Amino acid sequence: MLLSDLQGKDIIDISTGQKIGGIIDVLINKEGYIEELSVQKRKLWIFNSGVTAVKWSQIDKIGKDVILVNVMN
């Protein structure tokens, strides 16, 4: 899977079912593994100015169109 494939997916919080936003950047460690995703928060239909970090360990499932995360984890 390419980074561009991840960037096209919406991030959904499985605890609330709400869309968090879309990926704008990733943090990669020295070994080359993704540690966290930088997600641009959305409010209604427009982007809010906030950015949140989602750790790779919080990802529950990567689907065709969405990435399900558990931010309570």
Protein backbone atom coordinates (compact mmCIF):
# COMPACT_ATOMS: atom_id res chain seq x y z
CA MET A 1 0.00 0.00 0.00
CA LEU A 2 1.27 3.46 -0.90
CA LEU A 3 1.08 6.58 1.25
CA SER A 4 -1.12 8.16 -1.40
CA ASP A 5 -3.56 5.25 -0.93
CA LEU A 6 -3.81 6.06 2.79
CA GLN A 7 -4.26 9.79 2.17
CA GLY A 8 -7.39 9.18 0.11
CA LYS A 9 -9.19 7.45 2.99
CA ASP A 10 -11.38 9.04 5.67
CA ILE A 11 -10.50 8.39 9.30
CA ILE A 12 -13.47 7.14 11.37
CA ASP A 13 -13.53 6.81 15.17
CA ILE A 14 -15.11 3.40 15.93
CA SER A 15 -16.16 4.44 19.43
CA THR A 16 -18.41 7.26 18.14
CA GLY A 17 -18.85 6.40 14.45
CA GLN A 18 -17.88 9.96 13.54
CA LYS A 19 -15.50 11.02 10.81
CA ILE A 20 -12.34 12.55 12.29
CA GLY A 21 -10.87 13.83 9.03
CA GLY A 22 -8.25 12.97 6.45
CA ILE A 23 -4.55 12.17 6.58
CA ILE A 24 -2.25 15.09 5.83
CA ASP A 25 1.08 13.66 7.01
CA VAL A 26 2.74 10.64 8.63
CA LEU A 27 5.53 10.23 11.17
CA ILE A 28 8.01 7.50 10.24
CA ASN A 29 10.55 6.18 12.74
CA LYS A 30 14.24 5.45 12.07
CA GLU A 31 13.43 1.83 11.17
CA GLY A 32 11.02 2.97 8.43
CA TYR A 33 7.76 2.10 10.20
CA ILE A 34 4.80 4.48 10.45
CA GLU A 35 4.38 5.62 14.05
CA GLU A 36 1.44 7.99 13.69
CA LEU A 37 -0.83 9.73 11.24
CA SER A 38 -1.44 13.49 11.29
CA VAL A 39 -5.16 13.95 10.66
CA GLN A 40 -6.79 17.24 9.66
CA LYS A 41 -9.93 17.50 11.77
CA ARG A 42 -13.23 18.22 10.05
CA LYS A 43 -16.17 20.12 11.38
CA LEU A 44 -19.35 19.59 9.39
CA TRP A 45 -18.41 19.90 5.70
CA ILE A 46 -15.42 22.18 6.04
CA PHE A 47 -11.97 21.67 7.45
CA ASN A 48 -11.32 22.98 10.91
CA SER A 49 -7.86 24.32 11.65
CA GLY A 50 -7.09 21.55 14.14
CA VAL A 51 -4.76 18.64 13.53
CA THR A 52 -4.74 15.50 15.66
CA ALA A 53 -2.27 12.62 15.88
CA VAL A 54 -3.47 9.03 15.54
CA LYS A 55 -0.94 6.42 16.62
CA TRP A 56 -0.46 3.41 14.37
CA SER A 57 -1.44 1.18 17.32
CA GLN A 58 -4.86 2.90 17.43
CA ILE A 59 -5.74 1.72 13.92
CA ASP A 60 -8.29 -1.06 14.08
CA LYS A 61 -8.90 -1.75 10.38
CA ILE A 62 -7.88 -0.30 7.03
CA GLY A 63 -10.67 -0.69 4.51
CA LYS A 64 -11.18 0.21 0.87
CA ASP A 65 -12.52 3.71 1.61
CA VAL A 66 -11.94 4.32 5.33
CA ILE A 67 -9.55 3.72 8.18
CA LEU A 68 -11.24 2.72 11.45
CA VAL A 69 -9.43 3.91 14.57
CA ASN A 70 -10.00 3.60 18.29
CA VAL A 71 -8.80 6.91 19.72
CA MET A 72 -9.86 5.84 23.23
CA ASN A 73 -7.14 3.17 23.07
